[in-house]
Amino acid sequence: MSDVSFYDNKYRDGEEVEKESKRLALKFLPAGELDVLDLGCGSGMCSETIAGLGHKVRGIDVSAEAIEKYNARGLDGQVMDVEVGLDFPDESFDVVFSSEVIEHLVHYQRMLQESFRVLRPSGRLILTTPNSAFWIYRLLGLFGRTVSELQHPMHLQFFSQRSLRQALLDEGFTIERSSGHNIYLMVPDPPATVRPLFRKLGLIRELRFTTQTYFWHLSNLSSTLNPWFAANLLFVAQKPSKGDGH
């Protein structure tokens, strides 16, 4: 189990940080009326978007502070630790959405197993996580920096595209889509007078959690070059239908 007090303090003192990778992951959700579990829902930023698409969304998070804010938005959330187990019957959901959660877990296999269990046949797991083989990490590794120094201080697992794909296959999922939030250029936050030019050039401004400073990046959602250029990996994995012999 990860350090719950860290997350309680985080949500007590502030709000979630909007990230481009989460915005892109939400595009994988169709409009409709599906039962969606937001696993590691935080204070509900993604769940509000999911509900806005017409889905029935429920959220779980290990932090009671997060769930208090989540429910204050009018959403349906519960305090739950996926590493202990999800308190839902088998085949309860059409979609499990989990953005940048798996890397915070000690027993990440338990999260994949529980997601598989609560999904209905042909249900989908939409999953994102940082790519620990990202070119910036490889470059800084030449100067003695490790991935654990460069990512969020509570990251306990470090995935590449290959290792995450294998982890999903090991738990019985099939891979429907493997994409990356590919970043080709990163620059520090310039003076305010320069920012309009950056926007015109297509760069996106984003807050880095580790340093609490802003940076700008030129990026897109891509299905190619992910082992090198993806800062974040985005997978859509499907639970086989009963007719597939599983």
Foldseek 3Di string as FASTA:
>chain_A
DFDQVVLQVVLVPDADFDDPVLVVLLVVDAQDEWEEEAEQQFQPPSVVVVVVSVYQYEYEHCHPSRVVNNVVVVHHYDYDDLVVNDPDQFQQGQEYEYEADLQLDPPSLSNLLRRLRNHAAFGKYKYKHFALLEQVQVVCVVVVDHSCVVADVRGDDHHHLVVVCVSNVVNQWDWPAKKAFFWDDKAFDDPPVCVVVCVVVPWDWGAHPVVRGIMITRTDIGRPPRRYGGRMMITMITHHHVVVVD
